[in-house]
Every structure is written in structure tokens, then in C-alpha cells.
Amino acid sequence: MQTNVTPGTSARVLLNSDMGEGLGLHEFGNDEALMRVIDVANVACGYHAGDPDVMNRTVALAAEHGVAVGAHPGLPDVVGFGRRRMVLRPEEVESIILYQTGALTAFLDKHGLKLNHIKPHGALYGMLAGDEELMQAAAGTARQFGVPFFGLAGTMHETVCQTMGVEFIAELYVDLNYGPAGELLIQRRPEPTDPKAAADRVDRALAGKPVLAVDGTELAIPFQSICVHSDAHNSTAVASAVRAVLDAH
């Protein structure tokens, strides 16, 4: 079976999920159930969600289940959950990613884990995909920590990482739609995804078949990891359906 992966990297496809997206008494997502299904957790670091206690609990849960942990830094916008774009200089992008990732590494040290990667959240993820200078700041931070960067193939995520010698891990999304140019259509509020549709997308992609955009455009999307968001109410069912396909392959 030919897997649609980025050349020069491992063909093993890992399942990742955004985790620890709560504040105080308010927690979102199905973290505990998902930890039993996924390989990699992207843990919120405080700016869009994830206060110190939430980070601590999430990292402890990952350690218990043998799940690798990466930083999931977002824009400083709790009210908008990091899904509203901001105008930032490259120096500011570097600082907010460095600050948040540094905070997470303290909890990783506490629980005997190493930082696995950096994957920006929400609007920051999209901003970096289309802006070379901003992405250079983000890639420089990944290089400083000596970890890969998770992102979208064919965007500045990949181009800048290759130029700067930063390992790049391309993602496929099953609970977000793609536009005709391969762009992610990020929603402000999560909507349930049909687990069967998610499984079918992965099955087709693993067989080297195109992913369909919302208008029917056929997209060739290289990937080494698959993301399932944790905040939709049926995210565990979606992740389990994807897990079954990966295990079957």
C-alpha cells in the first residue's frame, strides 16, 4: 500500500489531537478518552486556553498513556479561542511561541517527558501558512527547541522549514473541510464530524487517492500525521474510526 507521505520521512502515520483546552473549572474536549486512542497530543499553553493546572493535568494524562506531547501555542485571545487573526510582527510571533512553549516544557520536565514538536493553534496556524516572515520566526523557535514543526504541506509551513533545516511533519485533517486551493476552512465553533466520513477520507488518502475540497476539487495532500480536534462532542468516535483505519493499514 502506497502511503501519501512527504518524501524523506517515516511512512508511519500518527494520530494527533489538540488537548488541554480549558481554563479553571471550564474544560473542553474529551481528553481522557482520546488519550487512549491517539499517538500525539498538542497541548494548549495558556494564551488561547490551558492554564497551569490544566497543562499539568494534561501532561500527566499523556505520560500515563504513553502519548507524546507537543506545544500548541495560540494567539493571546481567550475570548476568541485563538481563532481570530491579529496583526503581529515576526518578533512578536517568536515571543509568544517561545513563551508558551517554555511554560509547557516545565510541566514536561515534571512528568519525565520531552517536548515532541510545536504545532500552532487556530488563526496563528493559518497566519504562518501564508506569511514567510512570520513563519521564519516560528520555525526559528522550533529549531531552538530542536523539535519538528507540524503544519500544512505546500504552504509556508513546509517551505520555510525546509529552507531553515527544521523537520516538518505534514498533517491531514478529517474534521475540517478544505478549500479549492488546499486551505483549511477553520470554524469558530466545532461541528460534529461523521466518523464514517472521517474514516473514508483517511482510507482514500492512505491509498493515494485525492481528498475532495468543498467544491469537489481533487487535492493531493501529503501527510505523516492526522489531526482530530478534541472539542467536538463526538471527537472520540471520530478518532476511534480513524484509529481503526490506521491499524488496518
C-alpha atoms as a PDB file:
ATOM      1  CA  MET A   1       0.000   0.000   0.000  1.00  0.00           C
ATOM      2  CA  GLN A   2       1.451   3.353  -1.033  1.00  0.00           C
ATOM      3  CA  THR A   3       1.067   5.986   1.670  1.00  0.00           C
ATOM      4  CA  ASN A   4       0.747   9.622   0.608  1.00  0.00           C
ATOM      5  CA  VAL A   5       3.566  10.978   2.760  1.00  0.00           C
ATOM      6  CA  THR A   6       6.105  13.725   2.382  1.00  0.00           C
ATOM      7  CA  PRO A   7       9.295  12.304   0.801  1.00  0.00           C
ATOM      8  CA  GLY A   8      12.243  11.624   3.078  1.00  0.00           C
ATOM      9  CA  THR A   9      10.259  10.964   6.252  1.00  0.00           C
ATOM     10  CA  SER A  10       8.862   7.993   8.099  1.00  0.00           C
ATOM     11  CA  ALA A  11       5.867   6.301   6.480  1.00  0.00           C
ATOM     12  CA  ARG A  12       4.208   5.606   9.851  1.00  0.00           C
ATOM     13  CA  VAL A  13       1.175   7.845  10.161  1.00  0.00           C
ATOM     14  CA  LEU A  14       0.499   9.136  13.681  1.00  0.00           C
ATOM     15  CA  LEU A  15      -2.818  10.324  15.075  1.00  0.00           C
ATOM     16  CA  ASN A  16      -2.664  13.670  16.891  1.00  0.00           C
ATOM     17  CA  SER A  17      -5.195  15.791  18.772  1.00  0.00           C
ATOM     18  CA  ASP A  18      -5.334  19.274  20.306  1.00  0.00           C
ATOM     19  CA  MET A  19      -5.630  18.899  24.075  1.00  0.00           C
ATOM     20  CA  GLY A  20      -5.768  20.765  27.367  1.00  0.00           C
ATOM     21  CA  GLU A  21      -8.044  23.455  26.016  1.00  0.00           C
ATOM     22  CA  GLY A  22      -9.671  24.515  29.277  1.00  0.00           C
ATOM     23  CA  LEU A  23      -9.442  27.293  31.849  1.00  0.00           C
ATOM     24  CA  GLY A  24     -10.126  26.918  35.545  1.00  0.00           C
ATOM     25  CA  LEU A  25     -13.322  24.953  36.097  1.00  0.00           C
ATOM     26  CA  HIS A  26     -14.210  25.101  32.411  1.00  0.00           C
ATOM     27  CA  GLU A  27     -12.756  22.309  30.297  1.00  0.00           C
ATOM     28  CA  PHE A  28     -13.478  21.499  26.683  1.00  0.00           C
ATOM     29  CA  GLY A  29     -12.835  18.318  24.797  1.00  0.00           C
ATOM     30  CA  ASN A  30     -12.693  14.626  25.526  1.00  0.00           C
ATOM     31  CA  ASP A  31      -9.071  14.446  26.610  1.00  0.00           C
ATOM     32  CA  GLU A  32      -9.153  11.406  28.862  1.00  0.00           C
ATOM     33  CA  ALA A  33     -10.973   9.204  26.340  1.00  0.00           C
ATOM     34  CA  LEU A  34      -8.889  10.468  23.413  1.00  0.00           C
ATOM     35  CA  MET A  35      -5.602   9.746  25.200  1.00  0.00           C
ATOM     36  CA  ARG A  36      -6.457   6.048  24.849  1.00  0.00           C
ATOM     37  CA  VAL A  37      -6.700   6.395  21.064  1.00  0.00           C
ATOM     38  CA  ILE A  38      -4.114   8.932  19.862  1.00  0.00           C
ATOM     39  CA  ASP A  39      -0.320   8.875  19.492  1.00  0.00           C
ATOM     40  CA  VAL A  40       0.452  12.581  19.947  1.00  0.00           C
ATOM     41  CA  ALA A  41      -1.128  15.395  21.999  1.00  0.00           C
ATOM     42  CA  ASN A  42      -0.810  19.070  21.079  1.00  0.00           C
ATOM     43  CA  VAL A  43      -1.192  20.767  24.456  1.00  0.00           C
ATOM     44  CA  ALA A  44      -2.523  24.309  24.808  1.00  0.00           C
ATOM     45  CA  CYS A  45      -0.035  26.563  26.573  1.00  0.00           C
ATOM     46  CA  GLY A  46      -2.063  29.379  28.112  1.00  0.00           C
ATOM     47  CA  TYR A  47      -2.840  32.045  25.553  1.00  0.00           C
ATOM     48  CA  HIS A  48      -5.997  30.713  23.886  1.00  0.00           C
ATOM     49  CA  ALA A  49      -6.637  28.094  26.602  1.00  0.00           C
ATOM     50  CA  GLY A  50      -4.764  25.898  29.047  1.00  0.00           C
ATOM     51  CA  ASP A  51      -3.985  27.422  32.431  1.00  0.00           C
ATOM     52  CA  PRO A  52      -1.156  25.953  34.585  1.00  0.00           C
ATOM     53  CA  ASP A  53      -3.370  23.403  36.346  1.00  0.00           C
ATOM     54  CA  VAL A  54      -4.885  22.265  33.056  1.00  0.00           C
ATOM     55  CA  MET A  55      -1.429  21.933  31.495  1.00  0.00           C
ATOM     56  CA  ASN A  56      -0.223  19.925  34.468  1.00  0.00           C
ATOM     57  CA  ARG A  57      -3.181  17.529  34.341  1.00  0.00           C
ATOM     58  CA  THR A  58      -2.988  17.123  30.591  1.00  0.00           C
ATOM     59  CA  VAL A  59       0.728  16.324  30.566  1.00  0.00           C
ATOM     60  CA  ALA A  60       0.239  13.878  33.442  1.00  0.00           C
ATOM     61  CA  LEU A  61      -2.520  12.156  31.472  1.00  0.00           C
ATOM     62  CA  ALA A  62      -0.291  11.924  28.402  1.00  0.00           C
ATOM     63  CA  ALA A  63       2.525  10.426  30.469  1.00  0.00           C
ATOM     64  CA  GLU A  64       0.130   7.852  31.923  1.00  0.00           C
ATOM     65  CA  HIS A  65      -0.982   6.731  28.466  1.00  0.00           C
ATOM     66  CA  GLY A  66       2.380   6.892  26.704  1.00  0.00           C
ATOM     67  CA  VAL A  67       1.336   9.768  24.439  1.00  0.00           C
ATOM     68  CA  ALA A  68       3.964  12.144  23.035  1.00  0.00           C
ATOM     69  CA  VAL A  69       3.393  15.837  23.807  1.00  0.00           C
ATOM     70  CA  GLY A  70       3.952  18.888  21.649  1.00  0.00           C
ATOM     71  CA  ALA A  71       3.298  22.572  22.280  1.00  0.00           C
ATOM     72  CA  HIS A  72       0.107  24.079  20.863  1.00  0.00           C
ATOM     73  CA  PRO A  73       0.693  27.837  21.221  1.00  0.00           C
ATOM     74  CA  GLY A  74      -2.025  30.239  20.142  1.00  0.00           C
ATOM     75  CA  LEU A  75      -2.738  33.927  19.861  1.00  0.00           C
ATOM     76  CA  PRO A  76      -3.362  35.851  23.114  1.00  0.00           C
ATOM     77  CA  ASP A  77      -7.135  35.832  22.661  1.00  0.00           C
ATOM     78  CA  VAL A  78      -9.016  33.726  25.209  1.00  0.00           C
ATOM     79  CA  VAL A  79     -12.371  35.269  24.280  1.00  0.00           C
ATOM     80  CA  GLY A  80     -11.940  34.325  20.622  1.00  0.00           C
ATOM     81  CA  PHE A  81     -10.303  30.988  21.485  1.00  0.00           C
ATOM     82  CA  GLY A  82      -7.339  31.967  19.318  1.00  0.00           C
ATOM     83  CA  ARG A  83      -9.410  31.744  16.161  1.00  0.00           C
ATOM     84  CA  ARG A  84      -9.390  35.470  15.318  1.00  0.00           C
ATOM     85  CA  ARG A  85      -6.455  36.824  13.342  1.00  0.00           C
ATOM     86  CA  MET A  86      -4.205  39.520  14.767  1.00  0.00           C
ATOM     87  CA  VAL A  87      -1.629  41.815  13.171  1.00  0.00           C
ATOM     88  CA  LEU A  88       1.763  40.765  14.555  1.00  0.00           C
ATOM     89  CA  ARG A  89       5.416  41.412  13.781  1.00  0.00           C
ATOM     90  CA  PRO A  90       7.752  38.433  13.384  1.00  0.00           C
ATOM     91  CA  GLU A  91       9.387  39.323  16.704  1.00  0.00           C
ATOM     92  CA  GLU A  92       6.018  39.095  18.417  1.00  0.00           C
ATOM     93  CA  VAL A  93       5.280  35.709  16.858  1.00  0.00           C
ATOM     94  CA  GLU A  94       8.629  34.443  18.070  1.00  0.00           C
ATOM     95  CA  SER A  95       7.990  35.732  21.587  1.00  0.00           C
ATOM     96  CA  ILE A  96       4.501  34.288  22.012  1.00  0.00           C
ATOM     97  CA  ILE A  97       5.565  30.854  20.743  1.00  0.00           C
ATOM     98  CA  LEU A  98       8.743  30.873  22.828  1.00  0.00           C
ATOM     99  CA  TYR A  99       6.870  31.975  25.967  1.00  0.00           C
ATOM    100  CA  GLN A 100       4.140  29.361  25.689  1.00  0.00           C
ATOM    101  CA  THR A 101       6.421  26.501  24.690  1.00  0.00           C
ATOM    102  CA  GLY A 102       8.763  27.327  27.538  1.00  0.00           C
ATOM    103  CA  ALA A 103       5.872  27.135  30.006  1.00  0.00           C
ATOM    104  CA  LEU A 104       4.863  23.711  28.733  1.00  0.00           C
ATOM    105  CA  THR A 105       8.395  22.321  28.986  1.00  0.00           C
ATOM    106  CA  ALA A 106       8.358  22.910  32.752  1.00  0.00           C
ATOM    107  CA  PHE A 107       5.423  20.518  33.088  1.00  0.00           C
ATOM    108  CA  LEU A 108       7.034  18.056  30.694  1.00  0.00           C
ATOM    109  CA  ASP A 109      10.136  18.023  32.893  1.00  0.00           C
ATOM    110  CA  LYS A 110       7.980  17.417  35.955  1.00  0.00           C
ATOM    111  CA  HIS A 111       6.382  14.347  34.381  1.00  0.00           C
ATOM    112  CA  GLY A 112       9.522  12.969  32.742  1.00  0.00           C
ATOM    113  CA  LEU A 113       8.620  13.797  29.141  1.00  0.00           C
ATOM    114  CA  LYS A 114      10.456  15.603  26.352  1.00  0.00           C
ATOM    115  CA  LEU A 115       8.959  18.169  24.007  1.00  0.00           C
ATOM    116  CA  ASN A 116       7.964  16.321  20.837  1.00  0.00           C
ATOM    117  CA  HIS A 117       7.085  19.167  18.446  1.00  0.00           C
ATOM    118  CA  ILE A 118       5.471  22.579  18.004  1.00  0.00           C
ATOM    119  CA  LYS A 119       2.100  22.980  16.301  1.00  0.00           C
ATOM    120  CA  PRO A 120       0.454  26.431  16.393  1.00  0.00           C
ATOM    121  CA  HIS A 121      -3.250  26.749  17.097  1.00  0.00           C
ATOM    122  CA  GLY A 122      -6.120  28.227  15.123  1.00  0.00           C
ATOM    123  CA  ALA A 123      -5.625  31.608  13.491  1.00  0.00           C
ATOM    124  CA  LEU A 124      -1.893  31.597  14.238  1.00  0.00           C
ATOM    125  CA  TYR A 125      -1.564  28.341  12.291  1.00  0.00           C
ATOM    126  CA  GLY A 126      -3.274  29.951   9.300  1.00  0.00           C
ATOM    127  CA  MET A 127      -1.284  33.181   9.557  1.00  0.00           C
ATOM    128  CA  LEU A 128       2.003  31.293   9.463  1.00  0.00           C
ATOM    129  CA  ALA A 129       0.881  29.209   6.488  1.00  0.00           C
ATOM    130  CA  GLY A 130       0.682  32.319   4.309  1.00  0.00           C
ATOM    131  CA  ASP A 131       3.416  34.618   5.621  1.00  0.00           C
ATOM    132  CA  GLU A 132       7.080  33.782   5.095  1.00  0.00           C
ATOM    133  CA  GLU A 133       8.471  36.230   7.658  1.00  0.00           C
ATOM    134  CA  LEU A 134       6.086  35.150  10.408  1.00  0.00           C
ATOM    135  CA  MET A 135       6.802  31.515   9.646  1.00  0.00           C
ATOM    136  CA  GLN A 136      10.545  32.138   9.825  1.00  0.00           C
ATOM    137  CA  ALA A 137      10.035  33.337  13.390  1.00  0.00           C
ATOM    138  CA  ALA A 138       8.038  30.217  14.254  1.00  0.00           C
ATOM    139  CA  ALA A 139      10.482  27.842  12.589  1.00  0.00           C
ATOM    140  CA  GLY A 140      13.355  29.522  14.407  1.00  0.00           C
ATOM    141  CA  THR A 141      11.668  28.704  17.709  1.00  0.00           C
ATOM    142  CA  ALA A 142      11.197  25.057  16.688  1.00  0.00           C
ATOM    143  CA  ARG A 143      14.873  24.970  15.771  1.00  0.00           C
ATOM    144  CA  GLN A 144      15.811  26.484  19.124  1.00  0.00           C
ATOM    145  CA  PHE A 145      13.985  23.661  20.933  1.00  0.00           C
ATOM    146  CA  GLY A 146      15.288  21.072  18.470  1.00  0.00           C
ATOM    147  CA  VAL A 147      11.846  19.712  17.573  1.00  0.00           C
ATOM    148  CA  PRO A 148       9.759  19.271  14.399  1.00  0.00           C
ATOM    149  CA  PHE A 149       7.037  21.638  13.261  1.00  0.00           C
ATOM    150  CA  PHE A 150       3.563  20.262  12.480  1.00  0.00           C
ATOM    151  CA  GLY A 151       1.761  22.023   9.628  1.00  0.00           C
ATOM    152  CA  LEU A 152       0.229  22.002   6.160  1.00  0.00           C
ATOM    153  CA  ALA A 153       2.187  20.687   3.195  1.00  0.00           C
ATOM    154  CA  GLY A 154       2.547  23.053   0.257  1.00  0.00           C
ATOM    155  CA  THR A 155       2.374  26.185   2.420  1.00  0.00           C
ATOM    156  CA  MET A 156       4.954  28.405   4.079  1.00  0.00           C
ATOM    157  CA  HIS A 157       4.936  25.883   6.919  1.00  0.00           C
ATOM    158  CA  GLU A 158       6.755  23.399   4.733  1.00  0.00           C
ATOM    159  CA  THR A 159       8.722  25.809   2.537  1.00  0.00           C
ATOM    160  CA  VAL A 160      10.298  27.731   5.419  1.00  0.00           C
ATOM    161  CA  CYS A 161      11.031  24.614   7.462  1.00  0.00           C
ATOM    162  CA  GLN A 162      12.875  23.103   4.510  1.00  0.00           C
ATOM    163  CA  THR A 163      14.867  26.306   3.976  1.00  0.00           C
ATOM    164  CA  MET A 164      15.785  26.589   7.661  1.00  0.00           C
ATOM    165  CA  GLY A 165      16.578  22.910   8.222  1.00  0.00           C
ATOM    166  CA  VAL A 166      13.651  22.269  10.591  1.00  0.00           C
ATOM    167  CA  GLU A 167      11.972  18.864  10.421  1.00  0.00           C
ATOM    168  CA  PHE A 168       8.463  19.231   9.032  1.00  0.00           C
ATOM    169  CA  ILE A 169       5.529  16.917   9.758  1.00  0.00           C
ATOM    170  CA  ALA A 170       2.628  17.371   7.356  1.00  0.00           C
ATOM    171  CA  GLU A 171      -0.923  16.948   8.635  1.00  0.00           C
ATOM    172  CA  LEU A 172      -4.192  15.713   7.187  1.00  0.00           C
ATOM    173  CA  TYR A 173      -7.424  16.961   8.762  1.00  0.00           C
ATOM    174  CA  VAL A 174     -10.566  14.846   8.914  1.00  0.00           C
ATOM    175  CA  ASP A 175     -12.883  17.158  10.874  1.00  0.00           C
ATOM    176  CA  LEU A 176     -12.282  20.345   8.882  1.00  0.00           C
ATOM    177  CA  ASN A 177     -13.034  20.959   5.230  1.00  0.00           C
ATOM    178  CA  TYR A 178     -10.550  22.109   2.605  1.00  0.00           C
ATOM    179  CA  GLY A 179     -10.962  24.952   0.140  1.00  0.00           C
ATOM    180  CA  PRO A 180     -10.143  24.510  -3.571  1.00  0.00           C
ATOM    181  CA  ALA A 181      -6.555  25.742  -3.068  1.00  0.00           C
ATOM    182  CA  GLY A 182      -5.973  23.230  -0.255  1.00  0.00           C
ATOM    183  CA  GLU A 183      -6.546  25.780   2.506  1.00  0.00           C
ATOM    184  CA  LEU A 184      -8.190  24.726   5.756  1.00  0.00           C
ATOM    185  CA  LEU A 185     -11.617  26.205   6.410  1.00  0.00           C
ATOM    186  CA  ILE A 186     -11.314  26.904  10.135  1.00  0.00           C
ATOM    187  CA  GLN A 187     -14.573  27.231  12.043  1.00  0.00           C
ATOM    188  CA  ARG A 188     -15.133  29.433  15.073  1.00  0.00           C
ATOM    189  CA  ARG A 189     -17.305  26.724  16.644  1.00  0.00           C
ATOM    190  CA  PRO A 190     -16.742  22.967  16.229  1.00  0.00           C
ATOM    191  CA  GLU A 191     -19.345  20.889  14.426  1.00  0.00           C
ATOM    192  CA  PRO A 192     -19.735  17.122  14.695  1.00  0.00           C
ATOM    193  CA  THR A 193     -17.998  15.075  12.009  1.00  0.00           C
ATOM    194  CA  ASP A 194     -19.416  11.830  10.675  1.00  0.00           C
ATOM    195  CA  PRO A 195     -16.945   9.161  11.899  1.00  0.00           C
ATOM    196  CA  LYS A 196     -17.515   7.128   8.748  1.00  0.00           C
ATOM    197  CA  ALA A 197     -16.726  10.119   6.539  1.00  0.00           C
ATOM    198  CA  ALA A 198     -13.535  10.724   8.520  1.00  0.00           C
ATOM    199  CA  ALA A 199     -12.533   7.078   8.173  1.00  0.00           C
ATOM    200  CA  ASP A 200     -13.273   7.145   4.437  1.00  0.00           C
ATOM    201  CA  ARG A 201     -11.112  10.243   3.942  1.00  0.00           C
ATOM    202  CA  VAL A 202      -8.188   8.543   5.678  1.00  0.00           C
ATOM    203  CA  ASP A 203      -8.690   5.271   3.829  1.00  0.00           C
ATOM    204  CA  ARG A 204      -8.684   7.070   0.481  1.00  0.00           C
ATOM    205  CA  ALA A 205      -5.685   9.206   1.382  1.00  0.00           C
ATOM    206  CA  LEU A 206      -3.664   6.192   2.529  1.00  0.00           C
ATOM    207  CA  ALA A 207      -4.418   4.571  -0.819  1.00  0.00           C
ATOM    208  CA  GLY A 208      -3.005   7.631  -2.592  1.00  0.00           C
ATOM    209  CA  LYS A 209      -6.405   8.919  -3.696  1.00  0.00           C
ATOM    210  CA  PRO A 210      -7.237  12.651  -3.603  1.00  0.00           C
ATOM    211  CA  VAL A 211      -9.027  14.461  -0.815  1.00  0.00           C
ATOM    212  CA  LEU A 212     -12.062  16.375  -2.044  1.00  0.00           C
ATOM    213  CA  ALA A 213     -12.397  20.104  -1.351  1.00  0.00           C
ATOM    214  CA  VAL A 214     -15.802  21.619  -0.579  1.00  0.00           C
ATOM    215  CA  ASP A 215     -16.339  22.409  -4.275  1.00  0.00           C
ATOM    216  CA  GLY A 216     -15.277  18.948  -5.443  1.00  0.00           C
ATOM    217  CA  THR A 217     -11.710  19.902  -6.374  1.00  0.00           C
ATOM    218  CA  GLU A 218      -9.388  16.914  -6.035  1.00  0.00           C
ATOM    219  CA  LEU A 219      -6.467  17.677  -3.718  1.00  0.00           C
ATOM    220  CA  ALA A 220      -3.250  15.719  -3.320  1.00  0.00           C
ATOM    221  CA  ILE A 221      -2.353  16.280   0.334  1.00  0.00           C
ATOM    222  CA  PRO A 222       0.921  14.744   1.571  1.00  0.00           C
ATOM    223  CA  PHE A 223       0.775  13.837   5.251  1.00  0.00           C
ATOM    224  CA  GLN A 224       2.556  11.990   8.022  1.00  0.00           C
ATOM    225  CA  SER A 225       0.069  12.712  10.790  1.00  0.00           C
ATOM    226  CA  ILE A 226      -3.710  13.005  11.069  1.00  0.00           C
ATOM    227  CA  CYS A 227      -5.384  15.557  13.337  1.00  0.00           C
ATOM    228  CA  VAL A 228      -8.676  15.050  15.140  1.00  0.00           C
ATOM    229  CA  HIS A 229      -9.803  18.022  17.219  1.00  0.00           C
ATOM    230  CA  SER A 230     -10.898  17.244  20.757  1.00  0.00           C
ATOM    231  CA  ASP A 231     -13.649  19.827  21.242  1.00  0.00           C
ATOM    232  CA  ALA A 232     -16.493  18.389  19.143  1.00  0.00           C
ATOM    233  CA  HIS A 233     -18.784  16.270  21.293  1.00  0.00           C
ATOM    234  CA  ASN A 234     -18.203  13.122  19.187  1.00  0.00           C
ATOM    235  CA  SER A 235     -14.446  13.561  18.765  1.00  0.00           C
ATOM    236  CA  THR A 236     -13.679  10.246  20.463  1.00  0.00           C
ATOM    237  CA  ALA A 237     -15.858   8.391  17.952  1.00  0.00           C
ATOM    238  CA  VAL A 238     -14.133  10.216  15.086  1.00  0.00           C
ATOM    239  CA  ALA A 239     -10.657   9.446  16.443  1.00  0.00           C
ATOM    240  CA  SER A 240     -11.585   5.798  17.041  1.00  0.00           C
ATOM    241  CA  ALA A 241     -12.810   5.445  13.452  1.00  0.00           C
ATOM    242  CA  VAL A 242      -9.552   6.914  12.161  1.00  0.00           C
ATOM    243  CA  ARG A 243      -7.529   4.711  14.511  1.00  0.00           C
ATOM    244  CA  ALA A 244      -9.247   1.613  13.115  1.00  0.00           C
ATOM    245  CA  VAL A 245      -8.268   2.583   9.563  1.00  0.00           C
ATOM    246  CA  LEU A 246      -4.658   3.283  10.533  1.00  0.00           C
ATOM    247  CA  ASP A 247      -4.399  -0.030  12.362  1.00  0.00           C
ATOM    248  CA  ALA A 248      -5.875  -1.849   9.368  1.00  0.00           C
ATOM    249  CA  HIS A 249      -3.204  -0.342   7.105  1.00  0.00           C
END
